[in-house]
Amino acid sequence: MDQKYFNLVTGMIFAVVALAHIARLYMGWPVVIDTWAVPTWLSWLGCGVGGVLSFSGFSLYLKLP
């Protein structure tokens, strides 16, 4: 796999992660790890980070020849 398609796949994976966080926020799904209830602000953070990394992957895909 060359660098161009690696960036495309990376962008798609992080887009799915960001969309999963958006779905959790929209649907109000609770997430519990052992006894710790994960707060929703963590999904806002995950959505932002996933979105930025997805954008970076797609923009690098488009820049490479």
PDB file of N, CA and C in Angstrom:
ATOM      1  N   MET A   1       0.858  -1.168   0.000  1.00  0.00           N
ATOM      2  CA  MET A   1       0.000   0.000   0.000  1.00  0.00           C
ATOM      3  C   MET A   1       0.907   1.235   0.000  1.00  0.00           C
ATOM      4  N   ASP A   2       0.671   2.120  -0.921  1.00  0.00           N
ATOM      5  CA  ASP A   2       1.490   3.331  -0.956  1.00  0.00           C
ATOM      6  C   ASP A   2       0.901   4.419  -0.042  1.00  0.00           C
ATOM      7  N   GLN A   3       1.633   5.511   0.082  1.00  0.00           N
ATOM      8  CA  GLN A   3       1.274   6.572   1.025  1.00  0.00           C
ATOM      9  C   GLN A   3      -0.077   7.208   0.713  1.00  0.00           C
ATOM     10  N   LYS A   4      -0.386   7.343  -0.557  1.00  0.00           N
ATOM     11  CA  LYS A   4      -1.640   7.998  -0.942  1.00  0.00           C
ATOM     12  C   LYS A   4      -2.852   7.226  -0.425  1.00  0.00           C
ATOM     13  N   TYR A   5      -2.862   5.929  -0.642  1.00  0.00           N
ATOM     14  CA  TYR A   5      -4.013   5.133  -0.215  1.00  0.00           C
ATOM     15  C   TYR A   5      -4.023   4.901   1.294  1.00  0.00           C
ATOM     16  N   PHE A   6      -2.836   4.927   1.908  1.00  0.00           N
ATOM     17  CA  PHE A   6      -2.784   4.873   3.367  1.00  0.00           C
ATOM     18  C   PHE A   6      -3.486   6.088   3.966  1.00  0.00           C
ATOM     19  N   ASN A   7      -3.249   7.262   3.393  1.00  0.00           N
ATOM     20  CA  ASN A   7      -3.913   8.474   3.879  1.00  0.00           C
ATOM     21  C   ASN A   7      -5.417   8.398   3.667  1.00  0.00           C
ATOM     22  N   LEU A   8      -5.859   7.824   2.573  1.00  0.00           N
ATOM     23  CA  LEU A   8      -7.291   7.674   2.320  1.00  0.00           C
ATOM     24  C   LEU A   8      -7.932   6.752   3.357  1.00  0.00           C
ATOM     25  N   VAL A   9      -7.314   5.609   3.600  1.00  0.00           N
ATOM     26  CA  VAL A   9      -7.859   4.650   4.566  1.00  0.00           C
ATOM     27  C   VAL A   9      -7.860   5.253   5.971  1.00  0.00           C
ATOM     28  N   THR A  10      -6.787   5.957   6.319  1.00  0.00           N
ATOM     29  CA  THR A  10      -6.726   6.605   7.628  1.00  0.00           C
ATOM     30  C   THR A  10      -7.831   7.647   7.776  1.00  0.00           C
ATOM     31  N   GLY A  11      -8.051   8.440   6.737  1.00  0.00           N
ATOM     32  CA  GLY A  11      -9.121   9.428   6.776  1.00  0.00           C
ATOM     33  C   GLY A  11     -10.484   8.792   6.954  1.00  0.00           C
ATOM     34  N   MET A  12     -10.708   7.660   6.283  1.00  0.00           N
ATOM     35  CA  MET A  12     -12.005   6.984   6.403  1.00  0.00           C
ATOM     36  C   MET A  12     -12.197   6.380   7.795  1.00  0.00           C
ATOM     37  N   ILE A  13     -11.147   5.807   8.361  1.00  0.00           N
ATOM     38  CA  ILE A  13     -11.263   5.210   9.696  1.00  0.00           C
ATOM     39  C   ILE A  13     -11.585   6.283  10.730  1.00  0.00           C
ATOM     40  N   PHE A  14     -10.871   7.413  10.669  1.00  0.00           N
ATOM     41  CA  PHE A  14     -11.140   8.470  11.638  1.00  0.00           C
ATOM     42  C   PHE A  14     -12.490   9.134  11.399  1.00  0.00           C
ATOM     43  N   ALA A  15     -12.981   9.124  10.165  1.00  0.00           N
ATOM     44  CA  ALA A  15     -14.328   9.639   9.901  1.00  0.00           C
ATOM     45  C   ALA A  15     -15.377   8.756  10.572  1.00  0.00           C
ATOM     46  N   VAL A  16     -15.173   7.447  10.529  1.00  0.00           N
ATOM     47  CA  VAL A  16     -16.100   6.525  11.192  1.00  0.00           C
ATOM     48  C   VAL A  16     -16.073   6.735  12.711  1.00  0.00           C
ATOM     49  N   VAL A  17     -14.880   6.960  13.259  1.00  0.00           N
ATOM     50  CA  VAL A  17     -14.762   7.212  14.702  1.00  0.00           C
ATOM     51  C   VAL A  17     -15.513   8.491  15.076  1.00  0.00           C
ATOM     52  N   ALA A  18     -15.314   9.549  14.290  1.00  0.00           N
ATOM     53  CA  ALA A  18     -16.006  10.808  14.576  1.00  0.00           C
ATOM     54  C   ALA A  18     -17.518  10.643  14.448  1.00  0.00           C
ATOM     55  N   LEU A  19     -17.972   9.912  13.446  1.00  0.00           N
ATOM     56  CA  LEU A  19     -19.406   9.682  13.277  1.00  0.00           C
ATOM     57  C   LEU A  19     -19.980   8.838  14.415  1.00  0.00           C
ATOM     58  N   ALA A  20     -19.208   7.906  14.940  1.00  0.00           N
ATOM     59  CA  ALA A  20     -19.671   7.111  16.079  1.00  0.00           C
ATOM     60  C   ALA A  20     -19.858   8.001  17.314  1.00  0.00           C
ATOM     61  N   HIS A  21     -18.946   8.937  17.513  1.00  0.00           N
ATOM     62  CA  HIS A  21     -19.096   9.866  18.636  1.00  0.00           C
ATOM     63  C   HIS A  21     -20.303  10.784  18.431  1.00  0.00           C
ATOM     64  N   ILE A  22     -20.526  11.222  17.211  1.00  0.00           N
ATOM     65  CA  ILE A  22     -21.700  12.047  16.924  1.00  0.00           C
ATOM     66  C   ILE A  22     -22.981  11.252  17.173  1.00  0.00           C
ATOM     67  N   ALA A  23     -22.997   9.983  16.769  1.00  0.00           N
ATOM     68  CA  ALA A  23     -24.175   9.136  16.995  1.00  0.00           C
ATOM     69  C   ALA A  23     -24.429   8.953  18.485  1.00  0.00           C
ATOM     70  N   ARG A  24     -23.346   8.769  19.262  1.00  0.00           N
ATOM     71  CA  ARG A  24     -23.524   8.627  20.708  1.00  0.00           C
ATOM     72  C   ARG A  24     -24.121   9.894  21.311  1.00  0.00           C
ATOM     73  N   LEU A  25     -23.641  11.049  20.865  1.00  0.00           N
ATOM     74  CA  LEU A  25     -24.163  12.308  21.395  1.00  0.00           C
ATOM     75  C   LEU A  25     -25.615  12.527  20.985  1.00  0.00           C
ATOM     76  N   TYR A  26     -25.943  12.227  19.749  1.00  0.00           N
ATOM     77  CA  TYR A  26     -27.300  12.452  19.240  1.00  0.00           C
ATOM     78  C   TYR A  26     -28.313  11.496  19.869  1.00  0.00           C
ATOM     79  N   MET A  27     -27.929  10.225  19.966  1.00  0.00           N
ATOM     80  CA  MET A  27     -28.863   9.222  20.476  1.00  0.00           C
ATOM     81  C   MET A  27     -28.859   9.114  22.005  1.00  0.00           C
ATOM     82  N   GLY A  28     -27.859   9.702  22.646  1.00  0.00           N
ATOM     83  CA  GLY A  28     -27.794   9.653  24.100  1.00  0.00           C
ATOM     84  C   GLY A  28     -27.392   8.302  24.664  1.00  0.00           C
ATOM     85  N   TRP A  29     -26.598   7.560  23.915  1.00  0.00           N
ATOM     86  CA  TRP A  29     -26.167   6.238  24.368  1.00  0.00           C
ATOM     87  C   TRP A  29     -25.215   6.347  25.550  1.00  0.00           C
ATOM     88  N   PRO A  30     -25.475   5.599  26.605  1.00  0.00           N
ATOM     89  CA  PRO A  30     -24.530   5.603  27.723  1.00  0.00           C
ATOM     90  C   PRO A  30     -23.367   4.648  27.435  1.00  0.00           C
ATOM     91  N   VAL A  31     -22.201   5.030  27.902  1.00  0.00           N
ATOM     92  CA  VAL A  31     -21.029   4.164  27.797  1.00  0.00           C
ATOM     93  C   VAL A  31     -20.498   3.968  29.206  1.00  0.00           C
ATOM     94  N   VAL A  32     -20.367   2.703  29.603  1.00  0.00           N
ATOM     95  CA  VAL A  32     -19.876   2.375  30.939  1.00  0.00           C
ATOM     96  C   VAL A  32     -18.701   1.429  30.783  1.00  0.00           C
ATOM     97  N   ILE A  33     -17.564   1.820  31.366  1.00  0.00           N
ATOM     98  CA  ILE A  33     -16.379   0.971  31.383  1.00  0.00           C
ATOM     99  C   ILE A  33     -16.169   0.537  32.823  1.00  0.00           C
ATOM    100  N   ASP A  34     -16.372  -0.757  33.062  1.00  0.00           N
ATOM    101  CA  ASP A  34     -16.364  -1.337  34.398  1.00  0.00           C
ATOM    102  C   ASP A  34     -17.430  -0.635  35.242  1.00  0.00           C
ATOM    103  N   THR A  35     -17.068   0.248  36.138  1.00  0.00           N
ATOM    104  CA  THR A  35     -18.065   0.969  36.925  1.00  0.00           C
ATOM    105  C   THR A  35     -18.060   2.460  36.620  1.00  0.00           C
ATOM    106  N   TRP A  36     -17.238   2.873  35.671  1.00  0.00           N
ATOM    107  CA  TRP A  36     -17.092   4.290  35.336  1.00  0.00           C
ATOM    108  C   TRP A  36     -17.991   4.652  34.172  1.00  0.00           C
ATOM    109  N   ALA A  37     -18.903   5.578  34.394  1.00  0.00           N
ATOM    110  CA  ALA A  37     -19.768   6.077  33.330  1.00  0.00           C
ATOM    111  C   ALA A  37     -19.012   7.173  32.579  1.00  0.00           C
ATOM    112  N   VAL A  38     -18.755   6.946  31.304  1.00  0.00           N
ATOM    113  CA  VAL A  38     -17.985   7.889  30.496  1.00  0.00           C
ATOM    114  C   VAL A  38     -18.839   9.131  30.244  1.00  0.00           C
ATOM    115  N   PRO A  39     -18.334  10.321  30.593  1.00  0.00           N
ATOM    116  CA  PRO A  39     -19.131  11.541  30.396  1.00  0.00           C
ATOM    117  C   PRO A  39     -19.256  11.894  28.914  1.00  0.00           C
ATOM    118  N   THR A  40     -20.310  12.631  28.597  1.00  0.00           N
ATOM    119  CA  THR A  40     -20.545  12.975  27.189  1.00  0.00           C
ATOM    120  C   THR A  40     -19.537  13.980  26.656  1.00  0.00           C
ATOM    121  N   TRP A  41     -18.927  14.792  27.524  1.00  0.00           N
ATOM    122  CA  TRP A  41     -17.945  15.743  27.030  1.00  0.00           C
ATOM    123  C   TRP A  41     -16.749  15.034  26.411  1.00  0.00           C
ATOM    124  N   LEU A  42     -16.501  13.790  26.830  1.00  0.00           N
ATOM    125  CA  LEU A  42     -15.417  13.031  26.238  1.00  0.00           C
ATOM    126  C   LEU A  42     -15.731  12.667  24.788  1.00  0.00           C
ATOM    127  N   SER A  43     -17.016  12.477  24.477  1.00  0.00           N
ATOM    128  CA  SER A  43     -17.398  12.236  23.090  1.00  0.00           C
ATOM    129  C   SER A  43     -17.259  13.497  22.248  1.00  0.00           C
ATOM    130  N   TRP A  44     -17.494  14.660  22.843  1.00  0.00           N
ATOM    131  CA  TRP A  44     -17.257  15.907  22.102  1.00  0.00           C
ATOM    132  C   TRP A  44     -15.777  16.020  21.745  1.00  0.00           C
ATOM    133  N   LEU A  45     -14.925  15.673  22.694  1.00  0.00           N
ATOM    134  CA  LEU A  45     -13.491  15.695  22.444  1.00  0.00           C
ATOM    135  C   LEU A  45     -13.100  14.665  21.382  1.00  0.00           C
ATOM    136  N   GLY A  46     -13.646  13.467  21.484  1.00  0.00           N
ATOM    137  CA  GLY A  46     -13.362  12.422  20.498  1.00  0.00           C
ATOM    138  C   GLY A  46     -13.864  12.782  19.120  1.00  0.00           C
ATOM    139  N   CYS A  47     -14.989  13.458  19.052  1.00  0.00           N
ATOM    140  CA  CYS A  47     -15.525  13.904  17.765  1.00  0.00           C
ATOM    141  C   CYS A  47     -14.601  14.942  17.137  1.00  0.00           C
ATOM    142  N   GLY A  48     -14.127  15.870  17.947  1.00  0.00           N
ATOM    143  CA  GLY A  48     -13.231  16.900  17.422  1.00  0.00           C
ATOM    144  C   GLY A  48     -11.902  16.339  16.955  1.00  0.00           C
ATOM    145  N   VAL A  49     -11.298  15.487  17.763  1.00  0.00           N
ATOM    146  CA  VAL A  49     -10.011  14.896  17.405  1.00  0.00           C
ATOM    147  C   VAL A  49     -10.163  13.980  16.178  1.00  0.00           C
ATOM    148  N   GLY A  50     -11.198  13.162  16.174  1.00  0.00           N
ATOM    149  CA  GLY A  50     -11.434  12.289  15.023  1.00  0.00           C
ATOM    150  C   GLY A  50     -11.704  13.072  13.753  1.00  0.00           C
ATOM    151  N   GLY A  51     -12.438  14.167  13.878  1.00  0.00           N
ATOM    152  CA  GLY A  51     -12.727  15.000  12.713  1.00  0.00           C
ATOM    153  C   GLY A  51     -11.484  15.664  12.153  1.00  0.00           C
ATOM    154  N   VAL A  52     -10.622  16.168  13.037  1.00  0.00           N
ATOM    155  CA  VAL A  52      -9.384  16.808  12.576  1.00  0.00           C
ATOM    156  C   VAL A  52      -8.462  15.789  11.916  1.00  0.00           C
ATOM    157  N   LEU A  53      -8.330  14.614  12.512  1.00  0.00           N
ATOM    158  CA  LEU A  53      -7.470  13.590  11.920  1.00  0.00           C
ATOM    159  C   LEU A  53      -8.035  13.067  10.602  1.00  0.00           C
ATOM    160  N   SER A  54      -9.349  12.977  10.514  1.00  0.00           N
ATOM    161  CA  SER A  54      -9.978  12.569   9.263  1.00  0.00           C
ATOM    162  C   SER A  54      -9.740  13.610   8.177  1.00  0.00           C
ATOM    163  N   PHE A  55      -9.921  14.866   8.510  1.00  0.00           N
ATOM    164  CA  PHE A  55      -9.668  15.945   7.556  1.00  0.00           C
ATOM    165  C   PHE A  55      -8.213  15.931   7.090  1.00  0.00           C
ATOM    166  N   SER A  56      -7.294  15.695   8.018  1.00  0.00           N
ATOM    167  CA  SER A  56      -5.880  15.647   7.660  1.00  0.00           C
ATOM    168  C   SER A  56      -5.593  14.491   6.706  1.00  0.00           C
ATOM    169  N   GLY A  57      -6.167  13.337   6.975  1.00  0.00           N
ATOM    170  CA  GLY A  57      -5.960  12.188   6.098  1.00  0.00           C
ATOM    171  C   GLY A  57      -6.492  12.432   4.701  1.00  0.00           C
ATOM    172  N   PHE A  58      -7.693  12.988   4.616  1.00  0.00           N
ATOM    173  CA  PHE A  58      -8.276  13.256   3.296  1.00  0.00           C
ATOM    174  C   PHE A  58      -7.527  14.355   2.552  1.00  0.00           C
ATOM    175  N   SER A  59      -7.088  15.378   3.269  1.00  0.00           N
ATOM    176  CA  SER A  59      -6.374  16.456   2.579  1.00  0.00           C
ATOM    177  C   SER A  59      -5.009  15.980   2.099  1.00  0.00           C
ATOM    178  N   LEU A  60      -4.334  15.127   2.852  1.00  0.00           N
ATOM    179  CA  LEU A  60      -3.063  14.571   2.378  1.00  0.00           C
ATOM    180  C   LEU A  60      -3.274  13.630   1.199  1.00  0.00           C
ATOM    181  N   TYR A  61      -4.382  12.915   1.191  1.00  0.00           N
ATOM    182  CA  TYR A  61      -4.711  12.051   0.059  1.00  0.00           C
ATOM    183  C   TYR A  61      -4.867  12.870  -1.217  1.00  0.00           C
ATOM    184  N   LEU A  62      -5.515  14.017  -1.112  1.00  0.00           N
ATOM    185  CA  LEU A  62      -5.754  14.841  -2.294  1.00  0.00           C
ATOM    186  C   LEU A  62      -4.495  15.585  -2.756  1.00  0.00           C
ATOM    187  N   LYS A  63      -3.541  15.839  -1.863  1.00  0.00           N
ATOM    188  CA  LYS A  63      -2.337  16.578  -2.224  1.00  0.00           C
ATOM    189  C   LYS A  63      -1.293  15.717  -2.922  1.00  0.00           C
ATOM    190  N   LEU A  64      -1.252  14.425  -2.593  1.00  0.00           N
ATOM    191  CA  LEU A  64      -0.228  13.566  -3.184  1.00  0.00           C
ATOM    192  C   LEU A  64      -0.575  13.188  -4.618  1.00  0.00           C
ATOM    193  N   PRO A  65       0.436  13.116  -5.474  1.00  0.00           N
ATOM    194  CA  PRO A  65       0.155  12.758  -6.890  1.00  0.00           C
ATOM    195  C   PRO A  65      -0.210  11.306  -7.068  1.00  0.00           C
TER     196      PRO A  65
END
